Structure formats: C-alpha cells, structure tokens
Amino acid sequence: MTPEPTPVVRAGELRELGDALTRLADALLARGVPLQDAMDAFELRFLKAAVHRHGGNLSHAATELGIHRNTLRSKLQRNGRRPR
C-alpha cells in the first residue's frame, strides 16, 4: 500500500478549518488548558489519524506526515501508544 497523495485544500476549506481551530482554541483557553497540553493532545490525535489512514502502517503514515518512521514511533510511544 503506497501513501495517498496529499489532498489539495481550497481557500474556503482553509477558512472553515481556521474558524474551527479558533473555536477550539477559545474553548481550551476558557477551560484553562495550558498551551503545551493543547499542543500535545492535538499532535497525538493528528499522528493517530495518519496511522489510522494507513491501516497502522507507520512507514506510510510517517511519509504522509513528512517525518521519519522512527520519529513517529517515538512520538507515539512518548504519548502512551505502543506502535507495532
């Protein structure tokens, strides 16, 4: 299985995503979530989504993310998930 090409995001979609991120940031700030905690939570979900998109294949997920497989593995382990 080869990694899927990165989809092109249109300007309208970028605005929608930006608006969603702003709402999320506002909600996290209102709850007193520290920046590092918010970034760690986002990163873990982002990494897990990439791994899921590639059926658990860390090499393909890492390629899509633009990082080395060992970096992906390390980040997932640091956040409590044991990669295959």
N, C-alpha and C. Protein backbone atom coordinates (compact mmCIF):
# COMPACT_ATOMS: atom_id res chain seq x y z
N MET A 1 0.86 -1.17 0.00
CA MET A 1 0.00 0.00 0.00
C MET A 1 0.90 1.23 0.00
N THR A 2 0.73 2.11 -0.96
CA THR A 2 1.52 3.32 -1.03
C THR A 2 0.75 4.48 -0.41
N PRO A 3 1.46 5.45 0.13
CA PRO A 3 0.76 6.59 0.74
C PRO A 3 -0.09 7.33 -0.29
N GLU A 4 -1.24 7.79 0.17
CA GLU A 4 -2.11 8.58 -0.69
C GLU A 4 -1.50 9.96 -0.88
N PRO A 5 -1.71 10.57 -2.06
CA PRO A 5 -1.18 11.93 -2.24
C PRO A 5 -1.88 12.89 -1.29
N THR A 6 -1.16 13.92 -0.89
CA THR A 6 -1.73 14.92 -0.01
C THR A 6 -2.83 15.67 -0.76
N PRO A 7 -4.04 15.73 -0.19
CA PRO A 7 -5.13 16.41 -0.89
C PRO A 7 -4.90 17.91 -0.93
N VAL A 8 -5.41 18.52 -1.98
CA VAL A 8 -5.33 19.97 -2.11
C VAL A 8 -6.49 20.57 -1.32
N VAL A 9 -6.18 21.57 -0.51
CA VAL A 9 -7.20 22.23 0.30
C VAL A 9 -7.51 23.58 -0.34
N ARG A 10 -8.78 23.80 -0.62
CA ARG A 10 -9.19 25.06 -1.24
C ARG A 10 -9.28 26.17 -0.19
N ALA A 11 -9.24 27.42 -0.66
CA ALA A 11 -9.25 28.59 0.23
C ALA A 11 -10.44 28.58 1.18
N GLY A 12 -11.63 28.25 0.69
CA GLY A 12 -12.82 28.20 1.54
C GLY A 12 -12.70 27.17 2.64
N GLU A 13 -12.10 26.05 2.29
CA GLU A 13 -11.89 24.99 3.29
C GLU A 13 -10.87 25.45 4.34
N LEU A 14 -9.85 26.17 3.91
CA LEU A 14 -8.87 26.68 4.86
C LEU A 14 -9.52 27.64 5.85
N ARG A 15 -10.42 28.48 5.36
CA ARG A 15 -11.13 29.39 6.26
C ARG A 15 -11.96 28.61 7.26
N GLU A 16 -12.68 27.59 6.79
CA GLU A 16 -13.50 26.77 7.68
C GLU A 16 -12.64 26.08 8.73
N LEU A 17 -11.51 25.51 8.29
CA LEU A 17 -10.61 24.85 9.24
C LEU A 17 -10.05 25.86 10.23
N GLY A 18 -9.69 27.03 9.75
CA GLY A 18 -9.18 28.07 10.64
C GLY A 18 -10.22 28.50 11.65
N ASP A 19 -11.47 28.64 11.20
CA ASP A 19 -12.55 29.00 12.11
C ASP A 19 -12.76 27.92 13.17
N ALA A 20 -12.70 26.65 12.75
CA ALA A 20 -12.86 25.54 13.69
C ALA A 20 -11.73 25.53 14.72
N LEU A 21 -10.51 25.81 14.25
CA LEU A 21 -9.37 25.85 15.18
C LEU A 21 -9.51 27.02 16.16
N THR A 22 -10.03 28.14 15.68
CA THR A 22 -10.23 29.29 16.57
C THR A 22 -11.24 28.95 17.65
N ARG A 23 -12.34 28.28 17.26
CA ARG A 23 -13.35 27.89 18.26
C ARG A 23 -12.75 26.91 19.27
N LEU A 24 -11.94 25.98 18.79
CA LEU A 24 -11.29 25.03 19.68
C LEU A 24 -10.34 25.74 20.63
N ALA A 25 -9.53 26.65 20.10
CA ALA A 25 -8.59 27.41 20.94
C ALA A 25 -9.35 28.19 22.01
N ASP A 26 -10.45 28.84 21.61
CA ASP A 26 -11.25 29.60 22.58
C ASP A 26 -11.78 28.69 23.68
N ALA A 27 -12.27 27.52 23.32
CA ALA A 27 -12.81 26.58 24.30
C ALA A 27 -11.72 26.08 25.25
N LEU A 28 -10.54 25.78 24.71
CA LEU A 28 -9.44 25.31 25.55
C LEU A 28 -8.97 26.41 26.50
N LEU A 29 -8.86 27.64 25.99
CA LEU A 29 -8.45 28.76 26.84
C LEU A 29 -9.48 29.02 27.95
N ALA A 30 -10.76 28.91 27.61
CA ALA A 30 -11.82 29.13 28.60
C ALA A 30 -11.75 28.10 29.72
N ARG A 31 -11.20 26.93 29.42
CA ARG A 31 -11.08 25.87 30.42
C ARG A 31 -9.71 25.88 31.11
N GLY A 32 -8.87 26.82 30.73
CA GLY A 32 -7.57 26.95 31.38
C GLY A 32 -6.55 25.91 30.97
N VAL A 33 -6.72 25.34 29.78
CA VAL A 33 -5.77 24.32 29.30
C VAL A 33 -4.47 25.01 28.88
N PRO A 34 -3.34 24.58 29.46
CA PRO A 34 -2.05 25.17 29.07
C PRO A 34 -1.71 24.85 27.61
N LEU A 35 -0.96 25.75 26.98
CA LEU A 35 -0.59 25.59 25.57
C LEU A 35 0.06 24.23 25.31
N GLN A 36 1.03 23.83 26.13
CA GLN A 36 1.73 22.57 25.87
C GLN A 36 0.78 21.38 25.91
N ASP A 37 -0.16 21.38 26.84
CA ASP A 37 -1.15 20.29 26.91
C ASP A 37 -2.02 20.25 25.66
N ALA A 38 -2.43 21.43 25.19
CA ALA A 38 -3.26 21.51 23.99
C ALA A 38 -2.47 21.01 22.77
N MET A 39 -1.21 21.43 22.67
CA MET A 39 -0.38 21.01 21.54
C MET A 39 -0.12 19.51 21.57
N ASP A 40 0.15 18.97 22.75
CA ASP A 40 0.39 17.53 22.88
C ASP A 40 -0.84 16.72 22.48
N ALA A 41 -2.01 17.18 22.93
CA ALA A 41 -3.25 16.47 22.60
C ALA A 41 -3.53 16.52 21.11
N PHE A 42 -3.31 17.69 20.49
CA PHE A 42 -3.53 17.81 19.05
C PHE A 42 -2.55 16.93 18.29
N GLU A 43 -1.28 16.99 18.67
CA GLU A 43 -0.27 16.20 17.97
C GLU A 43 -0.60 14.71 18.02
N LEU A 44 -0.98 14.21 19.20
CA LEU A 44 -1.28 12.79 19.32
C LEU A 44 -2.46 12.41 18.43
N ARG A 45 -3.51 13.20 18.43
CA ARG A 45 -4.67 12.89 17.57
C ARG A 45 -4.30 12.96 16.09
N PHE A 46 -3.47 13.93 15.73
CA PHE A 46 -3.04 14.10 14.35
C PHE A 46 -2.23 12.88 13.90
N LEU A 47 -1.30 12.44 14.75
CA LEU A 47 -0.47 11.28 14.43
C LEU A 47 -1.32 10.02 14.33
N LYS A 48 -2.21 9.83 15.29
CA LYS A 48 -3.05 8.63 15.28
C LYS A 48 -3.97 8.61 14.06
N ALA A 49 -4.45 9.78 13.63
CA ALA A 49 -5.29 9.84 12.44
C ALA A 49 -4.50 9.41 11.21
N ALA A 50 -3.24 9.84 11.11
CA ALA A 50 -2.41 9.45 9.97
C ALA A 50 -2.15 7.95 9.99
N VAL A 51 -1.85 7.40 11.16
CA VAL A 51 -1.60 5.96 11.27
C VAL A 51 -2.87 5.19 10.88
N HIS A 52 -4.00 5.66 11.35
CA HIS A 52 -5.27 5.01 11.01
C HIS A 52 -5.54 5.06 9.51
N ARG A 53 -5.28 6.22 8.87
CA ARG A 53 -5.49 6.36 7.42
C ARG A 53 -4.69 5.34 6.63
N HIS A 54 -3.58 4.89 7.21
CA HIS A 54 -2.68 3.96 6.51
C HIS A 54 -2.73 2.57 7.12
N GLY A 55 -3.86 2.25 7.74
CA GLY A 55 -4.08 0.90 8.25
C GLY A 55 -3.03 0.44 9.25
N GLY A 56 -2.47 1.36 10.02
CA GLY A 56 -1.48 1.01 11.02
C GLY A 56 -0.05 0.98 10.50
N ASN A 57 0.14 1.26 9.22
CA ASN A 57 1.48 1.24 8.63
C ASN A 57 2.20 2.53 9.00
N LEU A 58 3.17 2.41 9.92
CA LEU A 58 3.88 3.59 10.40
C LEU A 58 4.74 4.24 9.32
N SER A 59 5.33 3.44 8.46
CA SER A 59 6.18 4.00 7.40
C SER A 59 5.37 4.88 6.46
N HIS A 60 4.21 4.41 6.05
CA HIS A 60 3.38 5.19 5.14
C HIS A 60 2.82 6.43 5.84
N ALA A 61 2.42 6.27 7.11
CA ALA A 61 1.91 7.42 7.86
C ALA A 61 3.00 8.47 8.02
N ALA A 62 4.21 8.03 8.33
CA ALA A 62 5.32 8.96 8.50
C ALA A 62 5.63 9.70 7.20
N THR A 63 5.56 9.00 6.09
CA THR A 63 5.78 9.64 4.79
C THR A 63 4.75 10.73 4.56
N GLU A 64 3.50 10.44 4.84
CA GLU A 64 2.45 11.45 4.66
C GLU A 64 2.69 12.65 5.58
N LEU A 65 3.16 12.39 6.79
CA LEU A 65 3.40 13.45 7.76
C LEU A 65 4.68 14.23 7.49
N GLY A 66 5.55 13.67 6.66
CA GLY A 66 6.81 14.33 6.36
C GLY A 66 7.85 14.17 7.46
N ILE A 67 7.73 13.07 8.22
CA ILE A 67 8.70 12.79 9.28
C ILE A 67 9.24 11.37 9.10
N HIS A 68 10.31 11.05 9.79
CA HIS A 68 10.89 9.72 9.72
C HIS A 68 10.03 8.76 10.55
N ARG A 69 9.98 7.51 10.13
CA ARG A 69 9.20 6.50 10.84
C ARG A 69 9.60 6.40 12.31
N ASN A 70 10.90 6.47 12.59
CA ASN A 70 11.36 6.38 13.98
C ASN A 70 10.88 7.57 14.81
N THR A 71 10.77 8.73 14.19
CA THR A 71 10.25 9.91 14.88
C THR A 71 8.79 9.70 15.23
N LEU A 72 8.02 9.18 14.27
CA LEU A 72 6.61 8.89 14.51
C LEU A 72 6.48 7.87 15.64
N ARG A 73 7.24 6.82 15.56
CA ARG A 73 7.21 5.77 16.58
C ARG A 73 7.52 6.34 17.97
N SER A 74 8.55 7.17 18.04
CA SER A 74 8.95 7.78 19.31
C SER A 74 7.85 8.68 19.87
N LYS A 75 7.25 9.49 19.02
CA LYS A 75 6.20 10.39 19.46
C LYS A 75 4.99 9.60 19.97
N LEU A 76 4.65 8.53 19.29
CA LEU A 76 3.51 7.71 19.72
C LEU A 76 3.83 7.01 21.04
N GLN A 77 5.03 6.51 21.20
CA GLN A 77 5.41 5.84 22.44
C GLN A 77 5.43 6.83 23.60
N ARG A 78 5.93 8.03 23.36
CA ARG A 78 6.00 9.06 24.39
C ARG A 78 4.60 9.41 24.89
N ASN A 79 3.61 9.30 24.01
CA ASN A 79 2.24 9.63 24.37
C ASN A 79 1.42 8.42 24.79
N GLY A 80 2.09 7.30 25.05
CA GLY A 80 1.40 6.16 25.65
C GLY A 80 0.83 5.13 24.69
N ARG A 81 1.07 5.25 23.40
CA ARG A 81 0.58 4.25 22.46
C ARG A 81 1.77 3.41 22.03
N ARG A 82 1.59 2.10 22.02
CA ARG A 82 2.66 1.22 21.60
C ARG A 82 2.47 0.87 20.12
N PRO A 83 3.32 1.44 19.25
CA PRO A 83 3.20 1.10 17.82
C PRO A 83 3.65 -0.32 17.55
N ARG A 84 3.19 -0.84 16.42
CA ARG A 84 3.56 -2.21 16.03
C ARG A 84 4.99 -2.26 15.57
